[in-house]
Protein backbone atom coordinates (compact mmCIF):
# COMPACT_ATOMS: atom_id res chain seq x y z
CA MET A 1 36.19 -4.37 -52.98
CA ASP A 2 38.14 -5.00 -56.15
CA ALA A 3 40.06 -8.26 -55.56
CA THR A 4 42.42 -7.50 -58.46
CA MET A 5 43.39 -4.16 -56.93
CA LEU A 6 43.80 -5.80 -53.53
CA GLU A 7 46.19 -8.30 -55.08
CA GLN A 8 48.15 -5.50 -56.78
CA VAL A 9 48.46 -3.60 -53.50
CA LEU A 10 49.56 -6.66 -51.50
CA GLY A 11 52.13 -7.50 -54.16
CA SER A 12 53.32 -3.90 -54.21
CA ILE A 13 53.94 -3.82 -50.45
CA HIS A 14 55.38 -7.37 -50.45
CA ASN A 15 53.03 -8.33 -47.62
CA TRP A 16 50.31 -10.92 -48.11
CA PHE A 17 49.23 -11.32 -44.45
CA VAL A 18 49.09 -15.11 -44.90
CA ARG A 19 47.32 -16.86 -42.04
CA ASP A 20 47.11 -20.50 -43.12
CA THR A 21 47.95 -22.70 -46.07
CA LEU A 22 44.81 -24.83 -46.46
CA SER A 23 45.50 -26.82 -49.57
CA VAL A 24 48.61 -27.86 -51.44
CA GLY A 25 48.18 -30.22 -54.36
CA GLU A 26 45.07 -31.28 -56.21
CA CYS A 27 41.96 -29.18 -55.65
CA VAL A 28 38.57 -29.70 -57.27
CA ILE A 29 36.15 -26.79 -57.60
CA GLU A 30 32.63 -27.94 -58.48
CA ASP A 31 29.54 -25.78 -58.93
CA GLY A 32 31.70 -22.69 -58.23
CA VAL A 33 32.41 -23.81 -54.66
CA LEU A 34 35.59 -24.86 -52.88
CA PRO A 35 35.50 -28.42 -51.51
CA ALA A 36 34.26 -28.88 -47.94
CA SER A 37 37.74 -30.14 -47.04
CA ILE A 38 38.92 -26.52 -47.38
CA PRO A 39 36.91 -24.73 -44.69
CA ILE A 40 37.09 -20.95 -45.02
CA PRO A 41 34.67 -18.81 -43.02
CA ASP A 42 32.57 -16.21 -44.85
CA GLY A 43 34.23 -12.80 -44.98
CA VAL A 44 37.79 -14.18 -45.10
CA TRP A 45 40.13 -13.34 -47.99
CA TYR A 46 41.85 -16.30 -49.63
CA ARG A 47 44.25 -16.67 -52.53
CA ILE A 48 44.36 -19.40 -55.13
CA GLN A 49 47.66 -20.06 -56.90
CA GLY A 50 48.36 -22.61 -59.60
CA SER A 51 44.93 -22.54 -61.20
CA TYR A 52 44.22 -21.77 -64.84
CA LEU A 53 40.82 -20.24 -64.16
CA ASN A 54 40.74 -19.04 -60.55
CA ASP A 55 44.17 -17.64 -59.67
CA GLY A 56 44.01 -14.57 -57.45
CA MET A 57 42.38 -13.17 -54.34
CA HIS A 58 38.80 -14.06 -53.46
CA LEU A 59 36.48 -13.10 -50.62
CA LYS A 60 34.66 -16.11 -49.19
CA GLY A 61 30.92 -15.67 -49.38
CA ALA A 62 31.09 -12.61 -51.63
CA GLU A 63 28.33 -12.26 -54.18
CA ASP A 64 30.89 -12.09 -56.97
CA GLU A 65 33.18 -14.82 -55.60
CA GLY A 66 32.52 -16.53 -58.94
CA LEU A 67 34.84 -19.52 -59.00
CA ALA A 68 35.00 -21.47 -62.23
CA ASP A 69 34.78 -25.26 -62.07
CA GLU A 70 38.16 -26.92 -62.53
CA THR A 71 40.62 -29.43 -61.13
CA PHE A 72 44.12 -28.10 -60.59
CA ASP A 73 47.32 -28.60 -58.63
CA GLY A 74 47.98 -25.52 -56.58
CA THR A 75 47.83 -23.74 -53.25
CA ILE A 76 45.04 -22.05 -51.33
CA THR A 77 45.97 -19.72 -48.49
CA THR A 78 43.90 -17.56 -46.15
CA HIS A 79 44.86 -13.96 -45.44
CA VAL A 80 44.18 -11.74 -42.43
CA ILE A 81 44.30 -8.27 -43.95
CA PRO A 82 43.95 -5.32 -41.55
CA LYS A 83 40.69 -3.39 -41.93
CA ALA A 84 42.67 -0.15 -42.16
CA LEU A 85 44.54 -1.51 -45.19
CA LEU A 86 41.29 -2.64 -46.82
CA ALA A 87 40.01 0.93 -46.36
CA VAL A 88 43.12 2.27 -48.14
CA VAL A 89 42.55 -0.21 -50.98
CA GLU A 90 38.99 1.14 -51.30
CA GLU A 91 40.43 4.66 -51.53
CA ILE A 92 42.84 3.46 -54.23
CA CYS A 93 39.92 1.97 -56.18
CA GLU A 94 38.10 5.32 -55.99
CA TYR A 95 41.28 7.12 -57.05
CA GLN A 96 41.68 4.81 -60.05
CA THR A 97 38.04 5.31 -61.02
CA LYS A 98 38.39 9.09 -60.80
CA TYR A 99 41.80 9.51 -62.43
CA GLY A 100 42.22 6.23 -64.31
CA ALA A 101 45.06 5.96 -66.79
CA ASN A 102 45.89 9.67 -66.45
CA ALA A 103 47.20 9.05 -62.93
CA ASN A 104 49.77 6.56 -64.23
CA GLY A 105 51.45 8.79 -66.78
CA PRO A 106 54.60 10.81 -66.06
CA TYR A 107 53.10 14.14 -67.20
CA GLN A 108 51.45 16.72 -64.98
CA SER A 109 50.50 18.86 -67.97
CA GLU A 110 50.89 18.91 -71.73
CA SER A 111 50.05 21.42 -74.40
CA PHE A 112 50.08 21.15 -78.15
CA GLY A 113 50.80 23.67 -80.85
CA GLY A 114 54.11 24.97 -79.49
CA TYR A 115 54.36 21.65 -77.59
CA SER A 116 55.48 21.78 -73.99
CA TYR A 117 55.04 19.43 -71.07
CA THR A 118 55.63 19.29 -67.33
CA LEU A 119 56.64 16.09 -65.53
CA LYS A 120 54.87 15.08 -62.33
CA GLY A 121 56.72 15.14 -59.04
CA ASN A 122 60.27 13.87 -59.29
CA SER A 123 60.15 12.03 -62.59
CA SER A 124 63.86 12.43 -63.16
CA ALA A 125 66.37 9.71 -62.38
CA SER A 126 66.76 9.95 -58.63
CA GLY A 127 68.52 6.72 -57.82
CA THR A 128 65.52 5.46 -55.85
CA ASN A 129 62.93 2.84 -56.58
CA ALA A 130 60.15 5.04 -55.19
CA PRO A 131 57.16 5.33 -57.52
CA THR A 132 56.62 8.83 -58.87
CA THR A 133 53.22 8.44 -60.53
CA GLY A 134 49.90 6.62 -60.18
CA TRP A 135 48.28 5.12 -57.13
CA ARG A 136 51.61 3.74 -55.84
CA ALA A 137 52.97 7.28 -55.52
CA ALA A 138 49.71 8.81 -54.30
CA PHE A 139 49.27 6.23 -51.52
CA ALA A 140 52.90 5.36 -50.70
CA GLY A 141 52.76 7.18 -47.36
CA GLN A 142 49.64 5.32 -46.28
CA LEU A 143 50.92 1.94 -47.46
CA ASN A 144 54.43 2.19 -45.99
CA GLN A 145 53.35 1.01 -42.54
CA TRP A 146 52.51 -2.41 -43.99
CA ARG A 147 55.40 -2.62 -46.48
CA LYS A 148 57.92 -5.45 -46.18
CA LEU A 149 61.28 -5.48 -47.88
CA GLY A 150 61.37 -7.54 -51.09
């Protein structure tokens, strides 16, 4: 699971599924490990905020958890993310791998020479904030059930 993509999705739907705030204030990460005073079970997603080196989502016990040693003032929260949403995030990661930057552009097709182009979907001004390209548009229907208003 790509923690960066997970963070983008949670931010996009304005829903972080916060369970507990475990630490507010000074936190010391030594040898790439959270202090014992912040008990997080393996397999639980947590988010670090306020760090220079470790900000973002992390999966406790993951092989690539990879925390950098530092002392910082910040917040650590645990998150209970539905398995169905994690499955959608995996699909989004596959979509991004397959289509990459091309999925984020506004064009469905382009040609050169006589130059013409076709816009994807409804790329005109529609008066809505709905995404019209990229993974946000492709997965909006699946993500809407977890979306919170701003």
